[in-house]
Amino acid sequence: MVDVRQRVGTIDHDDALDMGVRVGLVSYGIVHLLMAWLALQLAFGDREGKVSSGGAMHQLAGNTLGQISLYVVAGGLAALCIWQGIEAAVGHRDEDGAKRTWKRAISAGKVVIYATVGFGALKTATGGGGGGSSTDTWTSKLMSLPFGVILVGLVGLGIIGVGGALVWRGWQEKFLKKLDTSGRTGNDGTAYRWFGKAGYIAKGVAFAIVGAFFVYAALTHDPEKSAGLDRALLKVLEQPFGPFLLAAIAAGIACYGLFCFAWAKHLDR
């Protein structure tokens, strides 16, 4: 067991993995900037693009250079999966007990997120990005299971919980732990702090809105009431001052993308 941990630790500190993680963070930042651009277009009347990581991938696939970059995005996100997989297995050793278990569980969740986005990039690059079932379709399948309505409600509450955690991390500036000392000081550090704060809060709000639709779908027993990010933001647009609210969320998502660039530059693993 000790030998396995030593080998994993060696991989975790490998320079090639470090570079791959930085590429992955830049890629993740680009995806968020594209999502922010799509959300901003939606706020001002263009409803053609899909505000999601998949929609961002299709934006990249618009030309040859973009298609090549999709492979880079997929490779970078694969490195993020390896990194967080290691953290989920043997990482967070500076914590003890339940806190270490919780942080390892969060790392495992990040593996799922990065793998989903990375697979989407690879699928789009190879010309297979047009498929996939809609949110209400798989929600309907989930509802058809025993206790399916309860499961959908729990999924919604879980997504709301993630959103609340992101807002809390943003407000408390917990994200600064991701940066090395030089990334937390000076004028650059101040800018990174505001990017992270706005970015985490905006992502948290977006997650909470999506989660609320899942809970509503469970309460009404109607899978069509569930929504992905793009449909949830359309609902925001329908509210009073909707375009301004959506533009603010778009700006926040863009700030998260910019924070990812800072994270890549000042990575503290």
Protein backbone atom coordinates (compact mmCIF):
# COMPACT_ATOMS: atom_id res chain seq x y z
CA MET A 1 0.00 0.00 0.00
CA VAL A 2 2.81 2.37 0.94
CA ASP A 3 4.58 1.53 -2.34
CA VAL A 4 1.43 2.34 -4.32
CA ARG A 5 1.07 5.68 -2.55
CA GLN A 6 4.71 6.49 -3.28
CA ARG A 7 4.22 5.73 -6.97
CA VAL A 8 1.06 7.82 -7.10
CA GLY A 9 2.86 10.63 -5.31
CA THR A 10 5.65 10.47 -7.91
CA ILE A 11 3.10 10.79 -10.71
CA ASP A 12 1.36 13.67 -8.89
CA HIS A 13 4.62 15.66 -8.80
CA ASP A 14 5.60 14.86 -12.38
CA ASP A 15 6.48 17.94 -14.47
CA ALA A 16 4.54 16.62 -17.46
CA LEU A 17 1.38 16.27 -15.37
CA ASP A 18 1.95 19.75 -13.96
CA MET A 19 2.09 21.19 -17.48
CA GLY A 20 -0.97 19.16 -18.48
CA VAL A 21 -2.93 20.52 -15.52
CA ARG A 22 -2.03 24.08 -16.50
CA VAL A 23 -3.17 23.43 -20.07
CA GLY A 24 -6.36 21.91 -18.70
CA LEU A 25 -7.09 24.95 -16.54
CA VAL A 26 -6.54 27.29 -19.48
CA SER A 27 -8.86 25.08 -21.54
CA TYR A 28 -11.48 25.16 -18.80
CA GLY A 29 -11.16 28.94 -18.72
CA ILE A 30 -11.70 29.17 -22.48
CA VAL A 31 -14.83 27.01 -22.20
CA HIS A 32 -16.23 29.39 -19.58
CA LEU A 33 -15.40 32.47 -21.64
CA LEU A 34 -17.27 30.96 -24.59
CA MET A 35 -20.21 30.08 -22.35
CA ALA A 36 -20.23 33.67 -21.09
CA TRP A 37 -20.23 34.97 -24.67
CA LEU A 38 -23.19 32.72 -25.53
CA ALA A 39 -25.05 33.88 -22.42
CA LEU A 40 -24.37 37.52 -23.32
CA GLN A 41 -25.67 36.93 -26.84
CA LEU A 42 -28.76 35.32 -25.32
CA ALA A 43 -29.28 38.36 -23.12
CA PHE A 44 -29.35 40.60 -26.18
CA GLY A 45 -31.70 38.51 -28.29
CA ASP A 46 -29.67 35.76 -30.02
CA ARG A 47 -31.25 32.45 -28.99
CA GLU A 48 -29.46 30.22 -31.52
CA GLY A 49 -26.47 29.20 -29.43
CA LYS A 50 -26.72 26.76 -26.51
CA VAL A 51 -25.30 28.13 -23.25
CA SER A 52 -23.46 25.04 -22.04
CA SER A 53 -20.04 23.43 -22.32
CA GLY A 54 -21.40 21.62 -25.40
CA GLY A 55 -22.43 24.91 -26.96
CA ALA A 56 -18.97 26.29 -26.24
CA MET A 57 -17.41 23.28 -27.98
CA HIS A 58 -19.52 23.87 -31.07
CA GLN A 59 -18.31 27.48 -31.11
CA LEU A 60 -14.73 26.22 -31.14
CA ALA A 61 -15.47 23.70 -33.89
CA GLY A 62 -16.37 26.48 -36.33
CA ASN A 63 -12.99 26.36 -38.13
CA THR A 64 -9.94 24.14 -38.55
CA LEU A 65 -7.89 25.87 -35.83
CA GLY A 66 -10.83 25.54 -33.46
CA GLN A 67 -11.18 21.84 -34.20
CA ILE A 68 -7.48 21.32 -33.47
CA SER A 69 -7.86 23.25 -30.22
CA LEU A 70 -10.65 20.87 -29.18
CA TYR A 71 -8.08 18.05 -29.03
CA VAL A 72 -5.88 20.26 -26.83
CA VAL A 73 -8.88 20.98 -24.59
CA ALA A 74 -9.65 17.24 -24.35
CA GLY A 75 -6.02 16.43 -23.50
CA GLY A 76 -5.81 19.18 -20.89
CA LEU A 77 -9.02 18.09 -19.23
CA ALA A 78 -7.73 14.50 -19.21
CA ALA A 79 -4.76 15.80 -17.20
CA LEU A 80 -7.19 17.50 -14.80
CA CYS A 81 -8.97 14.15 -14.42
CA ILE A 82 -5.69 12.41 -13.54
CA TRP A 83 -4.80 15.14 -11.05
CA GLN A 84 -8.16 15.09 -9.29
CA GLY A 85 -8.28 11.30 -9.49
CA ILE A 86 -5.04 11.18 -7.53
CA GLU A 87 -6.43 13.70 -5.06
CA ALA A 88 -9.58 11.58 -4.66
CA ALA A 89 -7.55 8.42 -4.06
CA VAL A 90 -4.69 9.53 -1.82
CA GLY A 91 -4.75 13.33 -1.72
CA HIS A 92 -5.64 15.98 0.90
CA ARG A 93 -3.28 14.35 3.39
CA ASP A 94 -3.00 17.64 5.29
CA GLU A 95 -6.59 17.06 6.46
CA ASP A 96 -7.90 14.46 8.88
CA GLY A 97 -11.00 12.34 9.32
CA ALA A 98 -14.30 13.47 7.85
CA LYS A 99 -12.80 16.62 6.33
CA ARG A 100 -10.29 14.59 4.32
CA THR A 101 -13.05 12.22 3.18
CA TRP A 102 -15.23 15.17 2.14
CA LYS A 103 -12.45 16.80 0.14
CA ARG A 104 -11.61 13.52 -1.58
CA ALA A 105 -15.29 13.16 -2.48
CA ILE A 106 -15.24 16.67 -3.98
CA SER A 107 -12.17 15.71 -6.03
CA ALA A 108 -14.02 12.63 -7.28
CA GLY A 109 -16.90 14.88 -8.32
CA LYS A 110 -14.49 17.11 -10.22
CA VAL A 111 -13.23 14.07 -12.11
CA VAL A 112 -16.78 13.51 -13.37
CA ILE A 113 -17.16 17.16 -14.39
CA TYR A 114 -13.80 17.38 -16.17
CA ALA A 115 -14.35 14.01 -17.85
CA THR A 116 -17.77 15.10 -19.12
CA VAL A 117 -16.45 18.34 -20.59
CA GLY A 118 -13.35 16.65 -21.99
CA PHE A 119 -15.37 13.86 -23.59
CA GLY A 120 -17.66 16.49 -25.09
CA ALA A 121 -14.64 18.24 -26.60
CA LEU A 122 -13.31 15.00 -28.09
CA LYS A 123 -16.74 14.02 -29.40
CA THR A 124 -17.21 17.41 -31.04
CA ALA A 125 -13.70 17.31 -32.53
CA THR A 126 -14.41 13.95 -34.13
CA GLY A 127 -17.74 15.12 -35.53
CA GLY A 128 -20.02 13.35 -33.09
CA GLY A 129 -21.10 16.26 -30.94
CA GLY A 130 -24.58 16.66 -32.27
CA GLY A 131 -26.19 13.84 -30.35
CA GLY A 132 -27.13 13.39 -26.76
CA SER A 133 -30.45 13.31 -24.96
CA SER A 134 -32.08 16.40 -23.53
CA THR A 135 -32.36 17.07 -19.80
CA ASP A 136 -36.08 16.38 -19.68
CA THR A 137 -35.54 13.04 -21.49
CA TRP A 138 -33.16 11.58 -18.93
CA THR A 139 -35.19 13.18 -16.12
CA SER A 140 -38.21 11.30 -17.49
CA LYS A 141 -36.20 8.06 -17.46
CA LEU A 142 -35.13 8.74 -13.88
CA MET A 143 -38.74 9.43 -12.85
CA SER A 144 -39.83 6.11 -14.31
CA LEU A 145 -37.68 4.26 -11.77
CA PRO A 146 -38.99 3.22 -8.35
CA PHE A 147 -38.94 6.31 -6.15
CA GLY A 148 -37.85 8.19 -9.29
CA VAL A 149 -39.62 11.41 -8.29
CA ILE A 150 -37.71 11.41 -5.02
CA LEU A 151 -34.46 10.77 -6.90
CA VAL A 152 -35.10 13.73 -9.22
CA GLY A 153 -35.82 15.90 -6.20
CA LEU A 154 -32.60 14.75 -4.53
CA VAL A 155 -30.65 15.50 -7.72
CA GLY A 156 -32.12 19.00 -7.67
CA LEU A 157 -31.27 19.52 -4.00
CA GLY A 158 -27.77 18.22 -4.67
CA ILE A 159 -27.27 20.70 -7.52
CA ILE A 160 -28.60 23.51 -5.32
CA GLY A 161 -26.15 22.38 -2.63
CA VAL A 162 -23.26 22.58 -5.09
CA GLY A 163 -24.43 26.04 -6.11
CA GLY A 164 -24.60 27.16 -2.51
CA ALA A 165 -21.11 25.78 -1.86
CA LEU A 166 -19.74 27.69 -4.85
CA VAL A 167 -21.36 30.93 -3.65
CA TRP A 168 -19.94 30.36 -0.17
CA ARG A 169 -16.45 29.65 -1.53
CA GLY A 170 -16.66 32.79 -3.62
CA TRP A 171 -17.90 35.00 -0.81
CA GLN A 172 -15.37 33.64 1.69
CA GLU A 173 -12.58 33.75 -0.95
CA LYS A 174 -11.64 30.13 -0.28
CA PHE A 175 -10.52 29.85 -3.90
CA LEU A 176 -7.38 31.85 -3.09
CA LYS A 177 -5.89 28.64 -1.66
CA LYS A 178 -5.58 27.42 -5.24
CA LEU A 179 -3.01 30.14 -6.01
CA ASP A 180 0.61 30.37 -4.95
CA THR A 181 1.82 33.32 -2.87
CA SER A 182 2.64 35.56 -5.84
CA GLY A 183 -0.89 35.01 -7.17
CA ARG A 184 -2.43 36.28 -3.96
CA THR A 185 -0.44 39.49 -3.56
CA GLY A 186 -0.03 42.84 -5.30
CA ASN A 187 -2.26 44.38 -7.94
CA ASP A 188 -2.49 41.09 -9.84
CA GLY A 189 -3.58 39.31 -6.68
CA THR A 190 -6.33 41.88 -6.14
CA ALA A 191 -7.60 41.37 -9.69
CA TYR A 192 -7.53 37.58 -9.31
CA ARG A 193 -9.47 37.89 -6.04
CA TRP A 194 -12.28 39.83 -7.75
CA PHE A 195 -12.31 37.48 -10.76
CA GLY A 196 -12.62 34.49 -8.44
CA LYS A 197 -15.22 36.09 -6.20
CA ALA A 198 -17.49 37.12 -9.08
CA GLY A 199 -16.88 33.87 -10.95
CA TYR A 200 -17.65 31.48 -8.11
CA ILE A 201 -20.76 33.40 -7.05
CA ALA A 202 -22.09 33.57 -10.64
CA LYS A 203 -21.50 29.84 -11.19
CA GLY A 204 -23.17 29.09 -7.88
CA VAL A 205 -26.24 31.13 -8.80
CA ALA A 206 -26.46 29.37 -12.18
CA PHE A 207 -26.21 25.94 -10.52
CA ALA A 208 -28.89 26.88 -7.98
CA ILE A 209 -31.28 27.94 -10.76
CA VAL A 210 -30.78 24.62 -12.58
CA GLY A 211 -31.27 22.70 -9.33
CA ALA A 212 -34.48 24.59 -8.58
CA PHE A 213 -35.94 23.40 -11.89
CA PHE A 214 -35.18 19.79 -10.98
CA VAL A 215 -36.92 20.21 -7.63
CA TYR A 216 -39.89 21.84 -9.40
CA ALA A 217 -40.02 18.93 -11.86
CA ALA A 218 -40.14 16.50 -8.93
CA LEU A 219 -42.87 18.46 -7.13
CA THR A 220 -45.03 18.66 -10.26
CA HIS A 221 -44.17 15.13 -11.46
CA ASP A 222 -43.38 16.72 -14.83
CA PRO A 223 -39.91 15.93 -16.29
CA GLU A 224 -40.32 18.72 -18.85
CA LYS A 225 -40.06 21.22 -15.99
CA SER A 226 -36.40 20.25 -15.48
CA ALA A 227 -33.84 22.31 -17.34
CA GLY A 228 -30.19 22.44 -18.28
CA LEU A 229 -28.20 25.64 -17.99
CA ASP A 230 -29.34 27.06 -21.34
CA ARG A 231 -33.06 26.63 -20.60
CA ALA A 232 -32.60 27.88 -17.03
CA LEU A 233 -30.99 31.07 -18.30
CA LEU A 234 -33.89 31.51 -20.74
CA LYS A 235 -36.16 31.56 -17.68
CA VAL A 236 -33.94 34.24 -16.14
CA LEU A 237 -34.36 36.24 -19.34
CA GLU A 238 -38.15 36.15 -18.92
CA GLN A 239 -38.00 37.81 -15.49
CA PRO A 240 -38.22 41.58 -14.87
CA PHE A 241 -34.88 43.10 -15.83
CA GLY A 242 -34.03 39.65 -17.23
CA PRO A 243 -31.50 40.82 -19.85
CA PHE A 244 -29.56 42.73 -17.19
CA LEU A 245 -29.63 39.78 -14.78
CA LEU A 246 -28.46 37.44 -17.53
CA ALA A 247 -25.73 39.86 -18.59
CA ALA A 248 -24.53 39.97 -14.96
CA ILE A 249 -24.42 36.14 -14.81
CA ALA A 250 -22.54 36.11 -18.13
CA ALA A 251 -20.00 38.58 -16.75
CA GLY A 252 -19.55 36.40 -13.67
CA ILE A 253 -19.00 33.27 -15.74
CA ALA A 254 -16.42 35.19 -17.79
CA CYS A 255 -14.69 36.18 -14.54
CA TYR A 256 -14.48 32.50 -13.59
CA GLY A 257 -12.82 31.83 -16.93
CA LEU A 258 -10.28 34.57 -16.27
CA PHE A 259 -9.66 33.15 -12.79
CA CYS A 260 -8.87 29.80 -14.41
CA PHE A 261 -6.11 31.53 -16.40
CA ALA A 262 -4.71 32.97 -13.16
CA TRP A 263 -5.00 29.54 -11.53
CA ALA A 264 -3.01 28.01 -14.39
CA LYS A 265 -0.30 30.65 -14.05
CA HIS A 266 -0.04 30.53 -10.27
CA LEU A 267 -0.96 26.88 -9.74
CA ASP A 268 -0.36 25.66 -6.19
CA ARG A 269 -0.70 21.87 -6.08
